[in-house]
């Protein structure tokens, strides 16, 4: 399951996470974001304990979205050791995201 994260929790949940983190920057009014939502949920279940899968509503959390120059949504960012290791903009398939996680060696 993908957990919602806020600006206030971002440092603890993402930057200081002991495991890699996939963050889905999204908004409820965004059609492609809604299309990717079930994929994000599936990945959260599949990688539980190995990769944290989080969702951040950019409307409710503008500070973090601004810090990472989020201009289009959905934007998916992979973090490892507090740093962005990959970024994908737009709706992508589950297999594409799994390949990305596996290629970066993030699934433990």
N, C-alpha and C. Protein backbone atom coordinates (compact mmCIF):
# COMPACT_ATOMS: atom_id res chain seq x y z
N UNK A 1 0.83 -1.18 0.00
CA UNK A 1 0.00 0.00 0.00
C UNK A 1 0.88 1.25 0.00
N UNK A 2 0.48 2.24 -0.74
CA UNK A 2 1.20 3.50 -0.79
C UNK A 2 0.70 4.42 0.32
N UNK A 3 1.61 4.97 1.06
CA UNK A 3 1.28 5.84 2.19
C UNK A 3 1.37 7.29 1.75
N UNK A 4 0.44 8.12 2.21
CA UNK A 4 0.49 9.55 1.93
C UNK A 4 1.58 10.19 2.81
N UNK A 5 2.30 11.14 2.23
CA UNK A 5 3.34 11.85 2.97
C UNK A 5 3.13 13.35 2.77
N UNK A 6 3.47 14.13 3.80
CA UNK A 6 3.28 15.58 3.75
C UNK A 6 4.63 16.29 3.74
N UNK A 7 4.58 17.61 3.51
CA UNK A 7 5.80 18.42 3.57
C UNK A 7 6.52 18.20 4.90
N UNK A 8 5.77 18.18 6.00
CA UNK A 8 6.37 18.05 7.33
C UNK A 8 7.03 16.70 7.56
N UNK A 9 6.55 15.67 6.88
CA UNK A 9 7.07 14.31 7.07
C UNK A 9 8.15 13.93 6.06
N UNK A 10 8.33 14.74 5.02
CA UNK A 10 9.17 14.36 3.89
C UNK A 10 10.61 14.01 4.30
N UNK A 11 11.21 14.84 5.13
CA UNK A 11 12.60 14.58 5.53
C UNK A 11 12.71 13.24 6.25
N UNK A 12 11.82 13.00 7.20
CA UNK A 12 11.86 11.74 7.97
C UNK A 12 11.54 10.54 7.09
N UNK A 13 10.45 10.63 6.32
CA UNK A 13 9.95 9.48 5.56
C UNK A 13 10.75 9.19 4.29
N UNK A 14 11.35 10.21 3.69
CA UNK A 14 12.03 10.03 2.41
C UNK A 14 13.53 10.22 2.54
N UNK A 15 13.96 11.39 2.96
CA UNK A 15 15.39 11.70 2.97
C UNK A 15 16.16 10.88 4.00
N UNK A 16 15.51 10.55 5.11
CA UNK A 16 16.18 9.76 6.16
C UNK A 16 15.76 8.30 6.18
N UNK A 17 15.08 7.84 5.14
CA UNK A 17 14.62 6.46 5.09
C UNK A 17 15.80 5.49 4.98
N UNK A 18 15.76 4.40 5.75
CA UNK A 18 16.83 3.41 5.65
C UNK A 18 16.73 2.55 4.39
N UNK A 19 15.58 2.60 3.71
CA UNK A 19 15.39 1.84 2.47
C UNK A 19 15.07 2.82 1.34
N UNK A 20 15.24 2.40 0.09
CA UNK A 20 14.89 3.27 -1.04
C UNK A 20 13.41 3.67 -0.99
N UNK A 21 13.11 4.81 -1.61
CA UNK A 21 11.75 5.35 -1.57
C UNK A 21 11.32 5.76 -2.97
N UNK A 22 10.10 5.36 -3.35
CA UNK A 22 9.46 5.84 -4.57
C UNK A 22 8.37 6.81 -4.15
N UNK A 23 8.46 8.06 -4.63
CA UNK A 23 7.46 9.07 -4.30
C UNK A 23 6.68 9.42 -5.56
N UNK A 24 5.35 9.34 -5.45
CA UNK A 24 4.45 9.72 -6.52
C UNK A 24 3.91 11.12 -6.19
N UNK A 25 4.36 12.13 -6.94
CA UNK A 25 3.84 13.48 -6.80
C UNK A 25 2.60 13.57 -7.69
N UNK A 26 1.45 13.85 -7.12
CA UNK A 26 0.18 13.77 -7.84
C UNK A 26 -0.80 14.83 -7.33
N UNK A 27 -1.97 14.88 -7.94
CA UNK A 27 -3.10 15.71 -7.49
C UNK A 27 -4.39 15.00 -7.88
N UNK A 28 -5.45 15.18 -7.07
CA UNK A 28 -6.70 14.47 -7.34
C UNK A 28 -7.37 14.85 -8.67
N UNK A 29 -7.14 16.05 -9.18
CA UNK A 29 -7.77 16.50 -10.41
C UNK A 29 -7.04 16.02 -11.67
N UNK A 30 -5.91 15.36 -11.50
CA UNK A 30 -5.04 14.95 -12.61
C UNK A 30 -5.44 13.56 -13.11
N UNK A 31 -5.95 13.49 -14.35
CA UNK A 31 -6.37 12.21 -14.93
C UNK A 31 -5.26 11.18 -15.00
N UNK A 32 -4.09 11.53 -15.57
CA UNK A 32 -3.00 10.55 -15.62
C UNK A 32 -2.55 10.10 -14.21
N UNK A 33 -2.66 11.00 -13.23
CA UNK A 33 -2.31 10.62 -11.85
C UNK A 33 -3.26 9.54 -11.34
N UNK A 34 -4.54 9.71 -11.63
CA UNK A 34 -5.53 8.71 -11.21
C UNK A 34 -5.29 7.38 -11.92
N UNK A 35 -4.84 7.45 -13.17
CA UNK A 35 -4.55 6.22 -13.92
C UNK A 35 -3.36 5.48 -13.31
N UNK A 36 -2.37 6.21 -12.82
CA UNK A 36 -1.17 5.59 -12.25
C UNK A 36 -1.41 5.13 -10.81
N UNK A 37 -2.41 5.69 -10.15
CA UNK A 37 -2.68 5.38 -8.75
C UNK A 37 -2.71 3.89 -8.41
N UNK A 38 -3.48 3.07 -9.13
CA UNK A 38 -3.50 1.64 -8.82
C UNK A 38 -2.14 0.96 -8.99
N UNK A 39 -1.36 1.42 -9.96
CA UNK A 39 -0.01 0.88 -10.18
C UNK A 39 0.86 1.17 -8.96
N UNK A 40 0.76 2.39 -8.44
CA UNK A 40 1.54 2.78 -7.27
C UNK A 40 1.14 1.93 -6.07
N UNK A 41 -0.15 1.72 -5.90
CA UNK A 41 -0.64 0.86 -4.80
C UNK A 41 -0.08 -0.56 -4.94
N UNK A 42 -0.13 -1.11 -6.15
CA UNK A 42 0.39 -2.46 -6.38
C UNK A 42 1.88 -2.55 -6.03
N UNK A 43 2.64 -1.54 -6.46
CA UNK A 43 4.08 -1.54 -6.17
C UNK A 43 4.33 -1.44 -4.67
N UNK A 44 3.50 -0.66 -3.98
CA UNK A 44 3.63 -0.55 -2.53
C UNK A 44 3.47 -1.90 -1.84
N UNK A 45 2.52 -2.69 -2.34
CA UNK A 45 2.31 -4.03 -1.78
C UNK A 45 3.43 -4.98 -2.17
N UNK A 46 3.83 -4.91 -3.42
CA UNK A 46 4.84 -5.84 -3.94
C UNK A 46 6.22 -5.65 -3.31
N UNK A 47 6.58 -4.39 -3.07
CA UNK A 47 7.91 -4.09 -2.55
C UNK A 47 7.92 -3.77 -1.06
N UNK A 48 6.83 -4.07 -0.37
CA UNK A 48 6.72 -3.76 1.05
C UNK A 48 7.95 -4.26 1.83
N UNK A 49 8.52 -3.36 2.62
CA UNK A 49 9.70 -3.70 3.42
C UNK A 49 11.01 -3.54 2.67
N UNK A 50 10.95 -3.43 1.34
CA UNK A 50 12.18 -3.30 0.55
C UNK A 50 12.30 -1.92 -0.10
N UNK A 51 11.17 -1.37 -0.53
CA UNK A 51 11.10 -0.03 -1.10
C UNK A 51 9.86 0.64 -0.51
N UNK A 52 10.02 1.81 0.11
CA UNK A 52 8.86 2.54 0.62
C UNK A 52 8.20 3.23 -0.57
N UNK A 53 6.89 3.09 -0.68
CA UNK A 53 6.14 3.71 -1.78
C UNK A 53 5.20 4.74 -1.16
N UNK A 54 5.43 6.00 -1.51
CA UNK A 54 4.70 7.11 -0.91
C UNK A 54 4.03 7.96 -1.98
N UNK A 55 2.94 8.63 -1.59
CA UNK A 55 2.23 9.54 -2.48
C UNK A 55 2.20 10.91 -1.83
N UNK A 56 2.49 11.95 -2.64
CA UNK A 56 2.44 13.32 -2.13
C UNK A 56 1.52 14.15 -3.01
N UNK A 57 0.45 14.66 -2.40
CA UNK A 57 -0.48 15.53 -3.09
C UNK A 57 0.18 16.91 -3.22
N UNK A 58 0.49 17.33 -4.45
CA UNK A 58 1.23 18.58 -4.66
C UNK A 58 0.39 19.81 -4.31
N UNK A 59 -0.92 19.71 -4.37
CA UNK A 59 -1.78 20.84 -3.99
C UNK A 59 -1.72 21.09 -2.49
N UNK A 60 -1.66 20.01 -1.72
CA UNK A 60 -1.63 20.12 -0.26
C UNK A 60 -0.22 20.32 0.29
N UNK A 61 0.79 20.03 -0.52
CA UNK A 61 2.18 20.08 -0.06
C UNK A 61 3.07 20.81 -1.07
N UNK A 62 2.84 22.12 -1.24
CA UNK A 62 3.55 22.86 -2.28
C UNK A 62 5.05 23.06 -1.99
N UNK A 63 5.47 23.03 -0.73
CA UNK A 63 6.88 23.29 -0.42
C UNK A 63 7.79 22.23 -1.01
N UNK A 64 7.47 20.97 -0.79
CA UNK A 64 8.31 19.89 -1.31
C UNK A 64 8.26 19.85 -2.82
N UNK A 65 7.07 20.00 -3.38
CA UNK A 65 6.94 20.01 -4.84
C UNK A 65 7.79 21.14 -5.43
N UNK A 66 7.80 22.29 -4.79
CA UNK A 66 8.62 23.41 -5.24
C UNK A 66 10.11 23.13 -5.12
N UNK A 67 10.50 22.52 -4.01
CA UNK A 67 11.92 22.19 -3.79
C UNK A 67 12.47 21.27 -4.87
N UNK A 68 11.63 20.38 -5.39
CA UNK A 68 12.06 19.43 -6.40
C UNK A 68 11.62 19.84 -7.81
N UNK A 69 11.19 21.09 -7.96
CA UNK A 69 10.82 21.64 -9.27
C UNK A 69 9.80 20.77 -10.01
N UNK A 70 8.80 20.30 -9.29
CA UNK A 70 7.74 19.50 -9.91
C UNK A 70 6.88 20.45 -10.74
N UNK A 71 6.93 20.28 -12.05
CA UNK A 71 6.18 21.15 -12.97
C UNK A 71 5.07 20.39 -13.68
N UNK A 72 5.20 19.10 -13.80
CA UNK A 72 4.19 18.25 -14.43
C UNK A 72 3.91 17.08 -13.51
N UNK A 73 2.66 16.66 -13.50
CA UNK A 73 2.31 15.49 -12.70
C UNK A 73 1.56 14.50 -13.58
N UNK A 74 1.65 13.22 -13.28
CA UNK A 74 2.43 12.67 -12.18
C UNK A 74 3.94 12.72 -12.45
N UNK A 75 4.68 12.98 -11.39
CA UNK A 75 6.13 12.84 -11.41
C UNK A 75 6.46 11.80 -10.36
N UNK A 76 7.23 10.81 -10.75
CA UNK A 76 7.65 9.73 -9.85
C UNK A 76 9.14 9.87 -9.64
N UNK A 77 9.56 9.93 -8.38
CA UNK A 77 10.98 10.05 -8.06
C UNK A 77 11.41 8.90 -7.18
N UNK A 78 12.56 8.33 -7.53
CA UNK A 78 13.18 7.29 -6.71
C UNK A 78 14.31 7.93 -5.91
N UNK A 79 14.28 7.71 -4.61
CA UNK A 79 15.31 8.23 -3.71
C UNK A 79 16.07 7.07 -3.09
N UNK A 80 17.36 7.26 -2.93
CA UNK A 80 18.20 6.31 -2.19
C UNK A 80 19.19 7.13 -1.39
N UNK A 81 19.28 6.83 -0.10
CA UNK A 81 20.17 7.57 0.80
C UNK A 81 19.92 9.07 0.73
N UNK A 82 18.65 9.46 0.61
CA UNK A 82 18.28 10.86 0.63
C UNK A 82 18.50 11.62 -0.67
N UNK A 83 18.91 10.92 -1.71
CA UNK A 83 19.17 11.59 -2.99
C UNK A 83 18.29 11.00 -4.09
N UNK A 84 17.91 11.85 -5.04
CA UNK A 84 17.13 11.39 -6.19
C UNK A 84 18.05 10.58 -7.10
N UNK A 85 17.66 9.34 -7.40
CA UNK A 85 18.45 8.52 -8.31
C UNK A 85 17.77 8.35 -9.66
N UNK A 86 16.49 8.65 -9.72
CA UNK A 86 15.76 8.54 -10.99
C UNK A 86 14.47 9.34 -10.89
N UNK A 87 14.02 9.85 -12.03
CA UNK A 87 12.77 10.60 -12.10
C UNK A 87 12.05 10.26 -13.39
N UNK A 88 10.74 10.06 -13.30
CA UNK A 88 9.91 9.77 -14.47
C UNK A 88 8.72 10.71 -14.41
N UNK A 89 8.43 11.38 -15.53
CA UNK A 89 7.29 12.28 -15.61
C UNK A 89 6.24 11.67 -16.53
N UNK A 90 5.00 11.66 -16.07
CA UNK A 90 3.90 11.14 -16.88
C UNK A 90 3.47 9.76 -16.43
N UNK A 91 2.37 9.32 -16.99
CA UNK A 91 1.83 8.00 -16.65
C UNK A 91 2.71 6.92 -17.29
N UNK A 92 3.16 5.99 -16.48
CA UNK A 92 4.00 4.90 -16.96
C UNK A 92 3.42 3.58 -16.47
N UNK A 93 3.80 2.51 -17.14
CA UNK A 93 3.27 1.19 -16.79
C UNK A 93 3.95 0.63 -15.55
N UNK A 94 3.28 -0.33 -14.96
CA UNK A 94 3.84 -1.01 -13.79
C UNK A 94 5.17 -1.68 -14.15
N UNK A 95 5.22 -2.32 -15.32
CA UNK A 95 6.46 -2.99 -15.72
C UNK A 95 7.60 -2.00 -15.89
N UNK A 96 7.31 -0.82 -16.42
CA UNK A 96 8.36 0.20 -16.57
C UNK A 96 8.91 0.62 -15.22
N UNK A 97 8.02 0.81 -14.26
CA UNK A 97 8.47 1.21 -12.92
C UNK A 97 9.23 0.08 -12.23
N UNK A 98 8.75 -1.15 -12.39
CA UNK A 98 9.47 -2.29 -11.81
C UNK A 98 10.87 -2.40 -12.41
N UNK A 99 10.97 -2.24 -13.74
CA UNK A 99 12.27 -2.29 -14.40
C UNK A 99 13.20 -1.22 -13.84
N UNK A 100 12.67 -0.03 -13.65
CA UNK A 100 13.46 1.07 -13.12
C UNK A 100 13.99 0.74 -11.73
N UNK A 101 13.12 0.23 -10.87
CA UNK A 101 13.53 -0.14 -9.51
C UNK A 101 14.57 -1.24 -9.54
N UNK A 102 14.35 -2.24 -10.37
CA UNK A 102 15.29 -3.37 -10.46
C UNK A 102 16.63 -2.94 -11.07
N UNK A 103 16.60 -2.12 -12.12
CA UNK A 103 17.83 -1.68 -12.77
C UNK A 103 18.71 -0.87 -11.84
N UNK A 104 18.08 -0.09 -10.96
CA UNK A 104 18.84 0.72 -10.01
C UNK A 104 19.27 -0.11 -8.79
N UNK A 105 18.88 -1.38 -8.76
CA UNK A 105 19.26 -2.24 -7.65
C UNK A 105 18.63 -1.83 -6.34
N UNK A 106 17.41 -1.30 -6.41
CA UNK A 106 16.79 -0.76 -5.21
C UNK A 106 15.88 -1.73 -4.47
N UNK A 107 15.59 -2.85 -5.08
CA UNK A 107 14.61 -3.75 -4.45
C UNK A 107 15.21 -4.67 -3.40
N UNK A 108 16.47 -4.48 -3.09
CA UNK A 108 17.09 -5.27 -2.03
C UNK A 108 17.19 -6.70 -2.39
